[in-house]
C-alpha atoms as a PDB file:
ATOM      1  CA  MET A   1      27.583 -15.359 -57.683  1.00  0.00           C
ATOM      2  CA  ASN A   2      29.899 -15.376 -54.823  1.00  0.00           C
ATOM      3  CA  GLN A   3      29.730 -18.889 -52.963  1.00  0.00           C
ATOM      4  CA  PRO A   4      30.415 -18.732 -49.380  1.00  0.00           C
ATOM      5  CA  LEU A   5      30.517 -22.020 -47.274  1.00  0.00           C
ATOM      6  CA  VAL A   6      27.100 -23.475 -46.565  1.00  0.00           C
ATOM      7  CA  SER A   7      26.559 -25.901 -43.559  1.00  0.00           C
ATOM      8  CA  ILE A   8      23.916 -28.533 -44.092  1.00  0.00           C
ATOM      9  CA  ILE A   9      23.121 -30.032 -40.669  1.00  0.00           C
ATOM     10  CA  ILE A  10      21.241 -33.421 -40.595  1.00  0.00           C
ATOM     11  CA  PRO A  11      20.109 -34.506 -37.202  1.00  0.00           C
ATOM     12  CA  ALA A  12      19.996 -38.584 -37.367  1.00  0.00           C
ATOM     13  CA  TYR A  13      18.374 -40.739 -34.994  1.00  0.00           C
ATOM     14  CA  ASN A  14      17.965 -44.610 -36.037  1.00  0.00           C
ATOM     15  CA  ALA A  15      17.688 -43.416 -39.830  1.00  0.00           C
ATOM     16  CA  GLU A  16      19.222 -46.455 -41.473  1.00  0.00           C
ATOM     17  CA  ARG A  17      16.179 -46.486 -43.945  1.00  0.00           C
ATOM     18  CA  PHE A  18      16.396 -42.916 -45.002  1.00  0.00           C
ATOM     19  CA  ILE A  19      19.809 -41.478 -44.439  1.00  0.00           C
ATOM     20  CA  GLU A  20      21.058 -42.441 -47.807  1.00  0.00           C
ATOM     21  CA  ARG A  21      18.455 -40.376 -49.624  1.00  0.00           C
ATOM     22  CA  SER A  22      19.088 -37.451 -47.520  1.00  0.00           C
ATOM     23  CA  LEU A  23      22.653 -37.539 -47.911  1.00  0.00           C
ATOM     24  CA  GLN A  24      22.615 -38.027 -51.726  1.00  0.00           C
ATOM     25  CA  SER A  25      20.375 -34.987 -51.940  1.00  0.00           C
ATOM     26  CA  ALA A  26      22.744 -32.741 -49.977  1.00  0.00           C
ATOM     27  CA  PHE A  27      26.071 -34.294 -51.888  1.00  0.00           C
ATOM     28  CA  ASN A  28      24.001 -33.675 -55.253  1.00  0.00           C
ATOM     29  CA  GLN A  29      23.462 -29.746 -54.759  1.00  0.00           C
ATOM     30  CA  THR A  30      24.284 -27.735 -57.719  1.00  0.00           C
ATOM     31  CA  TYR A  31      26.048 -25.468 -55.183  1.00  0.00           C
ATOM     32  CA  SER A  32      29.256 -27.078 -54.500  1.00  0.00           C
ATOM     33  CA  ASN A  33      30.753 -24.997 -51.470  1.00  0.00           C
ATOM     34  CA  ILE A  34      28.855 -27.006 -48.702  1.00  0.00           C
ATOM     35  CA  GLU A  35      29.674 -29.116 -45.617  1.00  0.00           C
ATOM     36  CA  VAL A  36      27.357 -31.688 -44.683  1.00  0.00           C
ATOM     37  CA  ILE A  37      27.383 -32.283 -40.800  1.00  0.00           C
ATOM     38  CA  VAL A  38      25.408 -35.262 -39.680  1.00  0.00           C
ATOM     39  CA  VAL A  39      24.893 -35.311 -35.930  1.00  0.00           C
ATOM     40  CA  ASP A  40      23.985 -39.053 -34.990  1.00  0.00           C
ATOM     41  CA  ASP A  41      21.794 -38.609 -31.872  1.00  0.00           C
ATOM     42  CA  GLY A  42      22.546 -41.959 -30.235  1.00  0.00           C
ATOM     43  CA  SER A  43      21.562 -44.435 -33.159  1.00  0.00           C
ATOM     44  CA  THR A  44      21.509 -48.033 -32.212  1.00  0.00           C
ATOM     45  CA  ASP A  45      20.943 -49.147 -35.658  1.00  0.00           C
ATOM     46  CA  SER A  46      23.349 -49.065 -38.946  1.00  0.00           C
ATOM     47  CA  THR A  47      22.931 -45.265 -39.195  1.00  0.00           C
ATOM     48  CA  ALA A  48      26.730 -44.668 -38.397  1.00  0.00           C
ATOM     49  CA  GLU A  49      27.901 -47.173 -40.684  1.00  0.00           C
ATOM     50  CA  LYS A  50      25.803 -45.952 -43.542  1.00  0.00           C
ATOM     51  CA  VAL A  51      27.139 -42.384 -43.226  1.00  0.00           C
ATOM     52  CA  LYS A  52      30.631 -43.419 -42.686  1.00  0.00           C
ATOM     53  CA  SER A  53      30.511 -45.495 -45.929  1.00  0.00           C
ATOM     54  CA  HIS A  54      30.847 -41.975 -47.720  1.00  0.00           C
ATOM     55  CA  LYS A  55      34.066 -40.836 -48.475  1.00  0.00           C
ATOM     56  CA  ASP A  56      33.150 -37.251 -49.586  1.00  0.00           C
ATOM     57  CA  PRO A  57      35.351 -34.719 -47.912  1.00  0.00           C
ATOM     58  CA  ARG A  58      32.605 -32.426 -47.303  1.00  0.00           C
ATOM     59  CA  LEU A  59      31.285 -34.855 -44.711  1.00  0.00           C
ATOM     60  CA  VAL A  60      31.375 -34.260 -40.986  1.00  0.00           C
ATOM     61  CA  TYR A  61      30.115 -37.011 -38.832  1.00  0.00           C
ATOM     62  CA  VAL A  62      29.354 -36.256 -35.072  1.00  0.00           C
ATOM     63  CA  TYR A  63      28.093 -38.712 -32.335  1.00  0.00           C
ATOM     64  CA  GLN A  64      26.367 -37.584 -29.359  1.00  0.00           C
ATOM     65  CA  GLN A  65      23.911 -39.401 -26.809  1.00  0.00           C
ATOM     66  CA  ASN A  66      20.441 -39.364 -27.466  1.00  0.00           C
ATOM     67  CA  ARG A  67      19.064 -36.007 -26.476  1.00  0.00           C
ATOM     68  CA  GLY A  68      16.514 -35.259 -29.235  1.00  0.00           C
ATOM     69  CA  GLN A  69      16.293 -33.212 -32.538  1.00  0.00           C
ATOM     70  CA  GLY A  70      16.701 -29.700 -30.987  1.00  0.00           C
ATOM     71  CA  PRO A  71      19.829 -30.559 -29.315  1.00  0.00           C
ATOM     72  CA  ALA A  72      21.210 -32.617 -32.183  1.00  0.00           C
ATOM     73  CA  ARG A  73      20.624 -29.289 -34.491  1.00  0.00           C
ATOM     74  CA  ASN A  74      22.366 -27.258 -31.941  1.00  0.00           C
ATOM     75  CA  THR A  75      25.334 -29.639 -31.787  1.00  0.00           C
ATOM     76  CA  GLY A  76      25.527 -29.071 -35.676  1.00  0.00           C
ATOM     77  CA  ILE A  77      25.423 -25.352 -35.331  1.00  0.00           C
ATOM     78  CA  LYS A  78      28.283 -25.449 -33.221  1.00  0.00           C
ATOM     79  CA  GLN A  79      30.422 -27.428 -35.412  1.00  0.00           C
ATOM     80  CA  ALA A  80      29.198 -25.310 -38.564  1.00  0.00           C
ATOM     81  CA  ARG A  81      31.991 -23.370 -40.211  1.00  0.00           C
ATOM     82  CA  GLY A  82      29.727 -21.955 -42.759  1.00  0.00           C
ATOM     83  CA  ASN A  83      28.609 -18.516 -43.700  1.00  0.00           C
ATOM     84  CA  TYR A  84      25.162 -19.872 -43.817  1.00  0.00           C
ATOM     85  CA  VAL A  85      23.553 -22.766 -42.033  1.00  0.00           C
ATOM     86  CA  THR A  86      20.539 -25.059 -43.171  1.00  0.00           C
ATOM     87  CA  PHE A  87      18.759 -27.991 -41.675  1.00  0.00           C
ATOM     88  CA  LEU A  88      17.839 -31.353 -43.250  1.00  0.00           C
ATOM     89  CA  ASP A  89      15.901 -34.056 -41.363  1.00  0.00           C
ATOM     90  CA  ALA A  90      17.181 -37.658 -42.079  1.00  0.00           C
ATOM     91  CA  ASP A  91      13.858 -38.776 -43.724  1.00  0.00           C
ATOM     92  CA  ASP A  92      13.462 -36.003 -46.081  1.00  0.00           C
ATOM     93  CA  TYR A  93      15.504 -34.496 -48.855  1.00  0.00           C
ATOM     94  CA  TYR A  94      16.485 -31.526 -50.816  1.00  0.00           C
ATOM     95  CA  LEU A  95      15.638 -30.822 -54.412  1.00  0.00           C
ATOM     96  CA  PRO A  96      19.063 -29.955 -56.436  1.00  0.00           C
ATOM     97  CA  GLU A  97      18.812 -26.398 -56.575  1.00  0.00           C
ATOM     98  CA  LYS A  98      17.670 -25.623 -52.717  1.00  0.00           C
ATOM     99  CA  VAL A  99      21.037 -24.390 -51.495  1.00  0.00           C
ATOM    100  CA  ALA A 100      21.959 -22.168 -54.516  1.00  0.00           C
ATOM    101  CA  LYS A 101      18.605 -20.428 -54.634  1.00  0.00           C
ATOM    102  CA  GLU A 102      18.331 -19.670 -50.841  1.00  0.00           C
ATOM    103  CA  VAL A 103      21.933 -18.375 -50.886  1.00  0.00           C
ATOM    104  CA  GLU A 104      21.175 -16.375 -54.111  1.00  0.00           C
ATOM    105  CA  TYR A 105      17.960 -14.941 -52.099  1.00  0.00           C
ATOM    106  CA  LEU A 106      20.046 -14.130 -49.048  1.00  0.00           C
ATOM    107  CA  GLN A 107      22.520 -12.273 -51.091  1.00  0.00           C
ATOM    108  CA  LYS A 108      20.143 -10.370 -52.946  1.00  0.00           C
ATOM    109  CA  HIS A 109      18.135  -9.417 -49.829  1.00  0.00           C
ATOM    110  CA  PRO A 110      20.578  -8.433 -47.173  1.00  0.00           C
ATOM    111  CA  GLN A 111      17.511  -7.167 -45.025  1.00  0.00           C
ATOM    112  CA  TYR A 112      16.520 -10.703 -44.182  1.00  0.00           C
ATOM    113  CA  GLY A 113      18.695 -12.961 -41.911  1.00  0.00           C
ATOM    114  CA  LEU A 114      16.674 -16.073 -42.701  1.00  0.00           C
ATOM    115  CA  VAL A 115      14.814 -17.489 -45.623  1.00  0.00           C
ATOM    116  CA  TYR A 116      12.399 -20.194 -45.956  1.00  0.00           C
ATOM    117  CA  CYS A 117      10.851 -21.855 -49.032  1.00  0.00           C
ATOM    118  CA  ASN A 118       8.014 -24.339 -50.137  1.00  0.00           C
ATOM    119  CA  ALA A 119       8.035 -27.769 -49.269  1.00  0.00           C
ATOM    120  CA  LEU A 120       6.502 -30.683 -51.285  1.00  0.00           C
ATOM    121  CA  ASN A 121       5.012 -33.583 -49.452  1.00  0.00           C
ATOM    122  CA  PHE A 122       4.350 -37.284 -50.102  1.00  0.00           C
ATOM    123  CA  TYR A 123       2.828 -40.212 -48.030  1.00  0.00           C
ATOM    124  CA  SER A 124       5.036 -43.228 -47.400  1.00  0.00           C
ATOM    125  CA  ASN A 125       2.827 -45.605 -49.145  1.00  0.00           C
ATOM    126  CA  LYS A 126       2.694 -43.174 -52.400  1.00  0.00           C
ATOM    127  CA  PRO A 127       6.316 -41.994 -52.800  1.00  0.00           C
ATOM    128  CA  HIS A 128       5.711 -40.729 -56.427  1.00  0.00           C
ATOM    129  CA  ARG A 129       2.797 -38.734 -55.902  1.00  0.00           C
ATOM    130  CA  LEU A 130       4.222 -35.145 -54.631  1.00  0.00           C
ATOM    131  CA  LEU A 131       1.553 -32.807 -52.944  1.00  0.00           C
ATOM    132  CA  LYS A 132       1.738 -29.032 -52.491  1.00  0.00           C
ATOM    133  CA  LYS A 133      -0.127 -27.191 -49.946  1.00  0.00           C
ATOM    134  CA  LYS A 134      -2.621 -25.142 -51.406  1.00  0.00           C
ATOM    135  CA  ARG A 135      -2.014 -21.856 -49.534  1.00  0.00           C
ATOM    136  CA  CYS A 136      -0.058 -19.624 -52.053  1.00  0.00           C
ATOM    137  CA  GLN A 137       1.164 -16.747 -49.963  1.00  0.00           C
ATOM    138  CA  TYR A 138       3.332 -16.843 -46.899  1.00  0.00           C
ATOM    139  CA  PRO A 139       4.857 -13.642 -45.051  1.00  0.00           C
ATOM    140  CA  SER A 140       8.008 -11.944 -45.416  1.00  0.00           C
ATOM    141  CA  GLY A 141       9.735  -9.366 -42.755  1.00  0.00           C
ATOM    142  CA  ASP A 142       8.593  -9.361 -39.222  1.00  0.00           C
ATOM    143  CA  ILE A 143       6.594 -12.809 -38.779  1.00  0.00           C
ATOM    144  CA  PHE A 144       6.359 -12.739 -35.047  1.00  0.00           C
ATOM    145  CA  LEU A 145       2.441 -12.183 -35.138  1.00  0.00           C
ATOM    146  CA  ASP A 146       2.012 -14.906 -37.719  1.00  0.00           C
ATOM    147  CA  LEU A 147       4.172 -17.327 -35.985  1.00  0.00           C
ATOM    148  CA  LEU A 148       1.917 -16.916 -32.719  1.00  0.00           C
ATOM    149  CA  ARG A 149      -0.902 -18.533 -34.605  1.00  0.00           C
ATOM    150  CA  GLY A 150       1.270 -21.727 -35.704  1.00  0.00           C
ATOM    151  CA  CYS A 151       4.395 -22.883 -37.171  1.00  0.00           C
ATOM    152  CA  LEU A 152       4.461 -21.548 -40.811  1.00  0.00           C
ATOM    153  CA  ILE A 153       8.021 -22.900 -41.552  1.00  0.00           C
ATOM    154  CA  ASN A 154       9.196 -26.554 -42.032  1.00  0.00           C
ATOM    155  CA  PRO A 155      12.851 -26.493 -40.642  1.00  0.00           C
ATOM    156  CA  ASN A 156      13.976 -28.292 -44.006  1.00  0.00           C
ATOM    157  CA  THR A 157      13.055 -25.431 -45.898  1.00  0.00           C
ATOM    158  CA  LEU A 158      15.016 -22.715 -43.659  1.00  0.00           C
ATOM    159  CA  MET A 159      18.594 -21.389 -44.318  1.00  0.00           C
ATOM    160  CA  LEU A 160      19.821 -18.489 -41.996  1.00  0.00           C
ATOM    161  CA  SER A 161      23.034 -16.330 -41.923  1.00  0.00           C
ATOM    162  CA  LYS A 162      25.495 -17.364 -39.165  1.00  0.00           C
ATOM    163  CA  ASP A 163      25.236 -13.974 -37.911  1.00  0.00           C
ATOM    164  CA  VAL A 164      21.783 -14.732 -36.544  1.00  0.00           C
ATOM    165  CA  LEU A 165      23.315 -17.188 -34.089  1.00  0.00           C
ATOM    166  CA  ARG A 166      26.085 -14.870 -32.790  1.00  0.00           C
ATOM    167  CA  ASN A 167      24.229 -14.003 -29.847  1.00  0.00           C
ATOM    168  CA  GLY A 168      23.927 -17.366 -28.752  1.00  0.00           C
ATOM    169  CA  LEU A 169      20.451 -17.894 -30.341  1.00  0.00           C
ATOM    170  CA  LEU A 170      19.853 -21.659 -30.387  1.00  0.00           C
ATOM    171  CA  PHE A 171      17.019 -24.278 -30.507  1.00  0.00           C
ATOM    172  CA  PRO A 172      15.457 -24.609 -27.199  1.00  0.00           C
ATOM    173  CA  GLU A 173      16.372 -27.450 -24.851  1.00  0.00           C
ATOM    174  CA  GLY A 174      15.909 -29.094 -21.453  1.00  0.00           C
ATOM    175  CA  ALA A 175      12.409 -30.725 -21.645  1.00  0.00           C
ATOM    176  CA  GLU A 176      12.409 -34.480 -22.058  1.00  0.00           C
ATOM    177  CA  GLY A 177      10.896 -35.520 -25.329  1.00  0.00           C
ATOM    178  CA  ARG A 178      10.436 -31.964 -26.358  1.00  0.00           C
ATOM    179  CA  CYS A 179       8.536 -31.220 -29.374  1.00  0.00           C
ATOM    180  CA  ASN A 180       7.870 -28.096 -31.399  1.00  0.00           C
ATOM    181  CA  GLU A 181      11.201 -26.927 -30.664  1.00  0.00           C
ATOM    182  CA  ASP A 182      11.742 -25.613 -34.275  1.00  0.00           C
ATOM    183  CA  TRP A 183       8.704 -23.274 -33.947  1.00  0.00           C
ATOM    184  CA  GLU A 184       9.918 -21.884 -30.333  1.00  0.00           C
ATOM    185  CA  PHE A 185      13.209 -21.246 -32.291  1.00  0.00           C
ATOM    186  CA  TYR A 186      11.400 -19.087 -34.891  1.00  0.00           C
ATOM    187  CA  LEU A 187       9.502 -17.184 -32.064  1.00  0.00           C
ATOM    188  CA  ILE A 188      12.955 -16.553 -30.352  1.00  0.00           C
ATOM    189  CA  VAL A 189      14.755 -15.504 -33.518  1.00  0.00           C
ATOM    190  CA  SER A 190      11.643 -13.222 -34.647  1.00  0.00           C
ATOM    191  CA  ARG A 191      11.218 -11.458 -31.223  1.00  0.00           C
ATOM    192  CA  ALA A 192      15.209 -10.942 -31.224  1.00  0.00           C
ATOM    193  CA  GLY A 193      14.504  -8.637 -34.125  1.00  0.00           C
ATOM    194  CA  HIS A 194      15.572 -10.812 -37.187  1.00  0.00           C
ATOM    195  CA  SER A 195      13.454 -10.824 -40.467  1.00  0.00           C
ATOM    196  CA  PHE A 196      12.408 -13.931 -42.415  1.00  0.00           C
ATOM    197  CA  GLY A 197      12.219 -13.608 -46.321  1.00  0.00           C
ATOM    198  CA  TRP A 198       9.952 -16.012 -48.065  1.00  0.00           C
ATOM    199  CA  LEU A 199      10.987 -17.701 -51.433  1.00  0.00           C
ATOM    200  CA  ASP A 200       8.391 -18.983 -53.546  1.00  0.00           C
ATOM    201  CA  GLU A 201      10.065 -22.171 -54.754  1.00  0.00           C
ATOM    202  CA  ASP A 202       9.461 -25.792 -54.310  1.00  0.00           C
ATOM    203  CA  LEU A 203      12.917 -26.931 -53.125  1.00  0.00           C
ATOM    204  CA  VAL A 204      12.298 -29.501 -50.283  1.00  0.00           C
ATOM    205  CA  VAL A 205      10.442 -32.896 -50.180  1.00  0.00           C
ATOM    206  CA  VAL A 206       9.085 -34.147 -46.925  1.00  0.00           C
ATOM    207  CA  GLU A 207       7.881 -37.627 -46.223  1.00  0.00           C
ATOM    208  CA  ILE A 208       4.572 -38.122 -44.084  1.00  0.00           C
ATOM    209  CA  ARG A 209       4.807 -41.396 -42.030  1.00  0.00           C
ATOM    210  CA  PRO A 210       2.458 -42.819 -39.562  1.00  0.00           C
ATOM    211  CA  ASP A 211       5.165 -43.229 -36.973  1.00  0.00           C
ATOM    212  CA  SER A 212       6.512 -39.686 -37.172  1.00  0.00           C
ATOM    213  CA  HIS A 213       6.331 -37.261 -34.286  1.00  0.00           C
ATOM    214  CA  THR A 214       3.206 -36.002 -35.830  1.00  0.00           C
ATOM    215  CA  GLN A 215       1.255 -39.235 -34.875  1.00  0.00           C
ATOM    216  CA  TRP A 216      -2.172 -38.982 -33.146  1.00  0.00           C
ATOM    217  CA  ASN A 217      -1.461 -40.351 -29.699  1.00  0.00           C
ATOM    218  CA  ILE A 218       1.034 -37.326 -29.092  1.00  0.00           C
ATOM    219  CA  GLN A 219      -0.838 -34.395 -30.923  1.00  0.00           C
ATOM    220  CA  TRP A 220      -2.286 -33.470 -27.240  1.00  0.00           C
ATOM    221  CA  LEU A 221       1.156 -33.198 -25.797  1.00  0.00           C
ATOM    222  CA  MET A 222       2.387 -30.866 -28.761  1.00  0.00           C
ATOM    223  CA  LYS A 223      -0.497 -28.797 -28.348  1.00  0.00           C
ATOM    224  CA  GLN A 224      -0.175 -28.634 -24.517  1.00  0.00           C
ATOM    225  CA  ARG A 225       3.489 -27.553 -25.046  1.00  0.00           C
ATOM    226  CA  THR A 226       2.636 -25.076 -27.300  1.00  0.00           C
ATOM    227  CA  LEU A 227       0.174 -23.406 -25.261  1.00  0.00           C
ATOM    228  CA  ASN A 228       2.655 -23.477 -22.398  1.00  0.00           C
ATOM    229  CA  VAL A 229       5.092 -21.733 -24.565  1.00  0.00           C
ATOM    230  CA  LEU A 230       2.801 -19.024 -25.392  1.00  0.00           C
ATOM    231  CA  GLU A 231       1.374 -18.748 -21.820  1.00  0.00           C
ATOM    232  CA  ASN A 232       4.845 -18.224 -20.390  1.00  0.00           C
ATOM    233  CA  LEU A 233       5.655 -15.892 -23.385  1.00  0.00           C
ATOM    234  CA  PHE A 234       2.739 -13.753 -22.772  1.00  0.00           C
ATOM    235  CA  SER A 235       3.610 -13.518 -19.169  1.00  0.00           C
ATOM    236  CA  GLU A 236       6.666 -11.468 -20.085  1.00  0.00           C
ATOM    237  CA  PHE A 237       4.684  -8.998 -22.121  1.00  0.00           C
ATOM    238  CA  THR A 238       3.332  -5.533 -21.276  1.00  0.00           C
ATOM    239  CA  GLU A 239      -0.652  -5.040 -21.571  1.00  0.00           C
ATOM    240  CA  ARG A 240       0.084  -3.155 -24.611  1.00  0.00           C
ATOM    241  CA  GLU A 241       2.192  -5.935 -26.010  1.00  0.00           C
ATOM    242  CA  LYS A 242      -0.429  -8.325 -25.414  1.00  0.00           C
ATOM    243  CA  THR A 243      -3.176  -6.156 -26.910  1.00  0.00           C
ATOM    244  CA  ARG A 244      -1.044  -5.789 -30.002  1.00  0.00           C
ATOM    245  CA  CYS A 245      -0.356  -9.459 -30.312  1.00  0.00           C
ATOM    246  CA  GLN A 246      -4.123 -10.289 -29.522  1.00  0.00           C
ATOM    247  CA  ALA A 247      -2.855 -12.466 -26.767  1.00  0.00           C
ATOM    248  CA  GLU A 248      -6.246 -13.625 -25.457  1.00  0.00           C
ATOM    249  CA  LYS A 249      -7.490 -14.501 -28.770  1.00  0.00           C
ATOM    250  CA  VAL A 250      -4.251 -16.517 -29.723  1.00  0.00           C
ATOM    251  CA  LEU A 251      -4.470 -18.486 -26.348  1.00  0.00           C
ATOM    252  CA  LYS A 252      -8.074 -19.136 -27.024  1.00  0.00           C
ATOM    253  CA  MET A 253      -7.327 -20.603 -30.500  1.00  0.00           C
ATOM    254  CA  HIS A 254      -4.758 -22.822 -29.185  1.00  0.00           C
ATOM    255  CA  ARG A 255      -6.795 -24.078 -26.176  1.00  0.00           C
ATOM    256  CA  ILE A 256      -9.344 -25.084 -28.881  1.00  0.00           C
ATOM    257  CA  LYS A 257      -6.727 -27.043 -30.633  1.00  0.00           C
ATOM    258  CA  LEU A 258      -5.632 -28.671 -27.449  1.00  0.00           C
ATOM    259  CA  ALA A 259      -9.162 -29.608 -26.431  1.00  0.00           C
ATOM    260  CA  VAL A 260      -9.825 -31.214 -29.725  1.00  0.00           C
ATOM    261  CA  ALA A 261      -6.390 -33.182 -29.384  1.00  0.00           C
ATOM    262  CA  TYR A 262      -7.679 -34.355 -25.983  1.00  0.00           C
ATOM    263  CA  LEU A 263     -10.791 -35.731 -27.543  1.00  0.00           C
ATOM    264  CA  VAL A 264      -8.843 -37.632 -30.184  1.00  0.00           C
ATOM    265  CA  ASN A 265      -6.823 -39.222 -27.423  1.00  0.00           C
ATOM    266  CA  LYS A 266     -10.002 -40.115 -25.641  1.00  0.00           C
ATOM    267  CA  GLN A 267      -9.128 -37.812 -22.563  1.00  0.00           C
ATOM    268  CA  LYS A 268     -12.723 -36.340 -22.163  1.00  0.00           C
ATOM    269  CA  GLY A 269     -12.063 -34.910 -18.681  1.00  0.00           C
ATOM    270  CA  ASP A 270      -9.139 -32.810 -19.957  1.00  0.00           C
ATOM    271  CA  PHE A 271     -11.075 -31.728 -22.982  1.00  0.00           C
ATOM    272  CA  LEU A 272     -13.628 -30.532 -20.603  1.00  0.00           C
ATOM    273  CA  ARG A 273     -11.164 -28.749 -18.217  1.00  0.00           C
ATOM    274  CA  THR A 274      -9.590 -27.066 -21.168  1.00  0.00           C
ATOM    275  CA  ILE A 275     -12.746 -26.102 -23.014  1.00  0.00           C
ATOM    276  CA  LYS A 276     -14.389 -24.325 -19.929  1.00  0.00           C
ATOM    277  CA  ASP A 277     -11.736 -21.546 -20.285  1.00  0.00           C
ATOM    278  CA  VAL A 278     -12.787 -21.013 -23.665  1.00  0.00           C
ATOM    279  CA  TRP A 279     -16.471 -20.953 -23.975  1.00  0.00           C
ATOM    280  CA  PRO A 280     -19.470 -19.836 -21.679  1.00  0.00           C
ATOM    281  CA  ILE A 281     -20.644 -22.481 -19.328  1.00  0.00           C
ATOM    282  CA  PRO A 282     -24.065 -23.294 -20.943  1.00  0.00           C
ATOM    283  CA  ILE A 283     -22.178 -24.210 -24.103  1.00  0.00           C
ATOM    284  CA  VAL A 284     -19.592 -26.251 -22.189  1.00  0.00           C
ATOM    285  CA  TYR A 285     -22.391 -28.196 -20.612  1.00  0.00           C
ATOM    286  CA  MET A 286     -23.817 -28.866 -23.746  1.00  0.00           C
ATOM    287  CA  PHE A 287     -20.610 -30.300 -25.275  1.00  0.00           C
ATOM    288  CA  ALA A 288     -20.010 -32.316 -22.035  1.00  0.00           C
ATOM    289  CA  GLY A 289     -23.434 -34.042 -22.730  1.00  0.00           C
ATOM    290  CA  VAL A 290     -22.711 -34.825 -26.221  1.00  0.00           C
ATOM    291  CA  THR A 291     -19.061 -35.849 -25.768  1.00  0.00           C
ATOM    292  CA  PHE A 292     -19.816 -38.215 -23.034  1.00  0.00           C
ATOM    293  CA  LEU A 293     -22.755 -39.856 -25.119  1.00  0.00           C
ATOM    294  CA  ILE A 294     -20.665 -40.692 -27.806  1.00  0.00           C
ATOM    295  CA  PRO A 295     -18.394 -43.600 -27.243  1.00  0.00           C
ATOM    296  CA  SER A 296     -14.753 -42.390 -27.067  1.00  0.00           C
ATOM    297  CA  THR A 297     -13.552 -44.806 -29.848  1.00  0.00           C
ATOM    298  CA  LEU A 298     -16.100 -43.544 -32.002  1.00  0.00           C
ATOM    299  CA  LEU A 299     -15.452 -40.064 -31.255  1.00  0.00           C
ATOM    300  CA  ARG A 300     -11.629 -40.539 -31.962  1.00  0.00           C
ATOM    301  CA  VAL A 301     -12.308 -42.317 -35.264  1.00  0.00           C
ATOM    302  CA  SER A 302     -14.608 -39.539 -36.636  1.00  0.00           C
ATOM    303  CA  LEU A 303     -12.489 -36.658 -35.445  1.00  0.00           C
ATOM    304  CA  ILE A 304      -9.260 -38.376 -37.263  1.00  0.00           C
ATOM    305  CA  LYS A 305     -11.412 -38.860 -40.445  1.00  0.00           C
ATOM    306  CA  LEU A 306     -12.330 -35.263 -40.556  1.00  0.00           C
ATOM    307  CA  TRP A 307      -8.892 -33.962 -40.065  1.00  0.00           C
ATOM    308  CA  LYS A 308      -7.759 -36.527 -42.840  1.00  0.00           C
ATOM    309  CA  LEU A 309     -10.310 -35.010 -45.145  1.00  0.00           C
ATOM    310  CA  ARG A 310      -9.315 -31.311 -44.285  1.00  0.00           C
ATOM    311  CA  GLN A 311      -5.749 -32.317 -44.952  1.00  0.00           C
ATOM    312  CA  ARG A 312      -6.544 -34.036 -48.327  1.00  0.00           C
ATOM    313  CA  TYR A 313      -8.153 -30.945 -49.445  1.00  0.00           C
ATOM    314  CA  SER A 314      -5.415 -28.687 -48.270  1.00  0.00           C
ATOM    315  CA  PHE A 315      -2.969 -30.322 -50.883  1.00  0.00           C
ATOM    316  CA  PHE A 316      -3.048 -30.569 -54.634  1.00  0.00           C
ATOM    317  CA  THR A 317      -0.811 -32.902 -56.746  1.00  0.00           C
ATOM    318  CA  VAL A 318       1.869 -31.322 -58.373  1.00  0.00           C
ATOM    319  CA  HIS A 319       3.824 -34.517 -59.785  1.00  0.00           C
ATOM    320  CA  THR A 320       2.820 -38.526 -60.211  1.00  0.00           C
END
């Protein structure tokens, strides 16, 4: 197999606890023609020292003031010399054949500009128990409509041809504390006409930590920004495009998710303001009565338990 250069971009912010693991997984790929670009996003711990201790000539270290993960990935993209670009969060890691198998896939399927694979997961307190999501079939090709319903792709699993980025397609920047920028990026790329291929291989391992960006206290913010992105996107559509994308149905689903996130964060007023745009007034009044009778803390604990139960049944163990 021809071995074009692959750029592995690792955005890192105060990642001293994890960076060694991610770097080793990059350097230990069975595919040797790589460059590993670590973008230090203004770390104040020993991340820089740990990275610079590596003398591998394939390593590129770049420092920038703290701007967030999306801008850090963009800095890496601008530095990248590879024919292919792939991403690795500093607290996650690749399995040894990740790069080789995705390069092979893209070379065998030139109709796709991007490929994504499966990710295994583990909880920080159970590092040896690897979990896989039960969903077994993901879409390939034009996945724009699928992406409107939610983010299908963990950014660690993605590899793309540098040609996809030639028209200035980058991760969204600008909003302070932005989240979900990877999902916005996929929407932008997909709407620009690029096709995604799904590789049914477990090639990435993702750590689930309580202090990650998916923590409960910011779920409402993530859902709110997701809804804002979709509302802005649909405002640019013709009525025919909105009908094809089932825009109203999509917005309704995301408003319900936002409303639940508000409840988890004890924001009952925001819950009611959001849900009134989804359900008829009599149902809204019924929910208002129920939610205001239940203490906020009890409601939060109950919803979190339900979510964890749902999450537990969405995984099955593949390694212990």
